[in-house]
Amino acid sequence: MKLRSRIYNEPIEMQEHRHGYIPQAFLWHGHCYRVHAVERCWTVLKRRQNVGRRCFLVRCAEGTFELYQNLATNTWHLHKAQWHERARLA
């Protein structure tokens, strides 16, 4: 199956969490994406700015998404998406 990648850096709305912070479902451009698996999670800290991000690589039916939570503002964002060929490209 072919995959298409694209960088977005757009805000998303987190719909459901597991264990208080692991993404389970998120809303982006009016579509709810259900997370089937978390492939990877990591934290990025920028010491000079005292800003942190909690990052997740998640797999959904539509493709693989790199999400992050800005820890200073508690906002969620879609950084990058790798779409399955059959999935819609928003």
C-alpha atoms as a PDB file:
ATOM      1  CA  MET A   1       0.000   0.000   0.000  1.00  0.00           C
ATOM      2  CA  LYS A   2       1.409   3.399  -1.001  1.00  0.00           C
ATOM      3  CA  LEU A   3       1.708   6.168   1.560  1.00  0.00           C
ATOM      4  CA  ARG A   4       1.685   9.942   1.042  1.00  0.00           C
ATOM      5  CA  SER A   5       3.330  12.230   3.601  1.00  0.00           C
ATOM      6  CA  ARG A   6       2.552  15.831   4.398  1.00  0.00           C
ATOM      7  CA  ILE A   7       3.464  18.301   7.165  1.00  0.00           C
ATOM      8  CA  TYR A   8       0.531  20.253   8.637  1.00  0.00           C
ATOM      9  CA  ASN A   9       1.397  21.809  12.021  1.00  0.00           C
ATOM     10  CA  GLU A  10      -2.289  22.483  12.688  1.00  0.00           C
ATOM     11  CA  PRO A  11      -4.287  22.435  15.924  1.00  0.00           C
ATOM     12  CA  ILE A  12      -6.505  19.435  16.661  1.00  0.00           C
ATOM     13  CA  GLU A  13      -9.089  18.695  19.332  1.00  0.00           C
ATOM     14  CA  MET A  14      -8.289  15.692  21.483  1.00  0.00           C
ATOM     15  CA  GLN A  15     -11.517  13.733  21.940  1.00  0.00           C
ATOM     16  CA  GLU A  16     -10.386  10.818  24.121  1.00  0.00           C
ATOM     17  CA  HIS A  17      -7.311   9.873  26.164  1.00  0.00           C
ATOM     18  CA  ARG A  18      -6.075   6.695  27.790  1.00  0.00           C
ATOM     19  CA  HIS A  19      -4.319   6.936  31.140  1.00  0.00           C
ATOM     20  CA  GLY A  20      -4.913  10.690  31.163  1.00  0.00           C
ATOM     21  CA  TYR A  21      -2.634  11.649  28.256  1.00  0.00           C
ATOM     22  CA  ILE A  22      -2.271   8.946  25.553  1.00  0.00           C
ATOM     23  CA  PRO A  23      -4.339   9.831  22.444  1.00  0.00           C
ATOM     24  CA  GLN A  24      -7.311   7.567  21.718  1.00  0.00           C
ATOM     25  CA  ALA A  25      -9.318   9.771  19.317  1.00  0.00           C
ATOM     26  CA  PHE A  26      -8.865  13.257  17.862  1.00  0.00           C
ATOM     27  CA  LEU A  27     -10.918  15.647  15.767  1.00  0.00           C
ATOM     28  CA  TRP A  28      -9.350  17.387  12.794  1.00  0.00           C
ATOM     29  CA  HIS A  29     -11.200  19.283  10.036  1.00  0.00           C
ATOM     30  CA  GLY A  30     -14.514  17.847  11.234  1.00  0.00           C
ATOM     31  CA  HIS A  31     -13.416  14.194  11.065  1.00  0.00           C
ATOM     32  CA  CYS A  32     -12.845  11.992  14.110  1.00  0.00           C
ATOM     33  CA  TYR A  33      -9.722   9.803  13.843  1.00  0.00           C
ATOM     34  CA  ARG A  34      -9.656   6.731  16.110  1.00  0.00           C
ATOM     35  CA  VAL A  35      -6.198   5.648  17.254  1.00  0.00           C
ATOM     36  CA  HIS A  36      -5.609   1.914  16.730  1.00  0.00           C
ATOM     37  CA  ALA A  37      -2.034   1.876  18.070  1.00  0.00           C
ATOM     38  CA  VAL A  38       0.595   4.168  19.540  1.00  0.00           C
ATOM     39  CA  GLU A  39       3.817   3.386  17.674  1.00  0.00           C
ATOM     40  CA  ARG A  40       6.083   5.704  19.653  1.00  0.00           C
ATOM     41  CA  CYS A  41       5.985   8.429  22.300  1.00  0.00           C
ATOM     42  CA  TRP A  42       8.700  10.880  23.371  1.00  0.00           C
ATOM     43  CA  THR A  43       9.184  14.253  25.029  1.00  0.00           C
ATOM     44  CA  VAL A  44      10.986  17.244  23.529  1.00  0.00           C
ATOM     45  CA  LEU A  45      12.241  19.942  25.894  1.00  0.00           C
ATOM     46  CA  LYS A  46      13.640  23.312  24.840  1.00  0.00           C
ATOM     47  CA  ARG A  47      15.582  24.423  27.891  1.00  0.00           C
ATOM     48  CA  ARG A  48      16.208  28.021  26.892  1.00  0.00           C
ATOM     49  CA  GLN A  49      12.515  28.633  26.314  1.00  0.00           C
ATOM     50  CA  ASN A  50      11.404  26.282  29.124  1.00  0.00           C
ATOM     51  CA  VAL A  51       8.866  24.734  26.725  1.00  0.00           C
ATOM     52  CA  GLY A  52       8.060  21.078  26.363  1.00  0.00           C
ATOM     53  CA  ARG A  53       6.162  18.883  23.941  1.00  0.00           C
ATOM     54  CA  ARG A  54       4.800  15.407  24.487  1.00  0.00           C
ATOM     55  CA  CYS A  55       4.912  13.705  21.067  1.00  0.00           C
ATOM     56  CA  PHE A  56       3.114  10.616  19.767  1.00  0.00           C
ATOM     57  CA  LEU A  57       3.319   8.608  16.564  1.00  0.00           C
ATOM     58  CA  VAL A  58      -0.117   6.995  16.212  1.00  0.00           C
ATOM     59  CA  ARG A  59      -1.693   4.643  13.689  1.00  0.00           C
ATOM     60  CA  CYS A  60      -5.290   5.108  12.533  1.00  0.00           C
ATOM     61  CA  ALA A  61      -7.293   3.495   9.703  1.00  0.00           C
ATOM     62  CA  GLU A  62      -6.473   6.496   7.480  1.00  0.00           C
ATOM     63  CA  GLY A  63      -2.710   6.446   8.059  1.00  0.00           C
ATOM     64  CA  THR A  64       0.008   7.301  10.562  1.00  0.00           C
ATOM     65  CA  PHE A  65      -0.004  10.651  12.365  1.00  0.00           C
ATOM     66  CA  GLU A  66       2.566  12.515  14.430  1.00  0.00           C
ATOM     67  CA  LEU A  67       0.721  14.419  17.154  1.00  0.00           C
ATOM     68  CA  TYR A  68       2.069  16.595  19.927  1.00  0.00           C
ATOM     69  CA  GLN A  69       0.799  18.268  23.052  1.00  0.00           C
ATOM     70  CA  ASN A  70       2.255  21.673  23.911  1.00  0.00           C
ATOM     71  CA  LEU A  71       2.790  21.274  27.651  1.00  0.00           C
ATOM     72  CA  ALA A  72       2.891  25.024  28.341  1.00  0.00           C
ATOM     73  CA  THR A  73      -0.515  25.725  26.766  1.00  0.00           C
ATOM     74  CA  ASN A  74      -2.057  22.224  26.988  1.00  0.00           C
ATOM     75  CA  THR A  75      -2.989  22.382  23.296  1.00  0.00           C
ATOM     76  CA  TRP A  76      -2.785  19.511  20.788  1.00  0.00           C
ATOM     77  CA  HIS A  77      -1.461  19.668  17.224  1.00  0.00           C
ATOM     78  CA  LEU A  78      -1.069  17.477  14.150  1.00  0.00           C
ATOM     79  CA  HIS A  79       2.532  17.844  13.015  1.00  0.00           C
ATOM     80  CA  LYS A  80       2.724  15.337  10.181  1.00  0.00           C
ATOM     81  CA  ALA A  81       0.555  12.719   8.470  1.00  0.00           C
ATOM     82  CA  GLN A  82       1.416   9.747   6.328  1.00  0.00           C
ATOM     83  CA  TRP A  83      -1.774   8.871   4.473  1.00  0.00           C
ATOM     84  CA  HIS A  84      -2.790   5.520   3.037  1.00  0.00           C
ATOM     85  CA  GLU A  85      -3.389   5.845  -0.709  1.00  0.00           C
ATOM     86  CA  ARG A  86      -7.115   5.160  -0.294  1.00  0.00           C
ATOM     87  CA  ALA A  87      -7.575   7.709   2.508  1.00  0.00           C
ATOM     88  CA  ARG A  88      -8.699  11.263   1.827  1.00  0.00           C
ATOM     89  CA  LEU A  89      -6.062  13.971   1.976  1.00  0.00           C
ATOM     90  CA  ALA A  90      -7.400  16.916   3.978  1.00  0.00           C
END
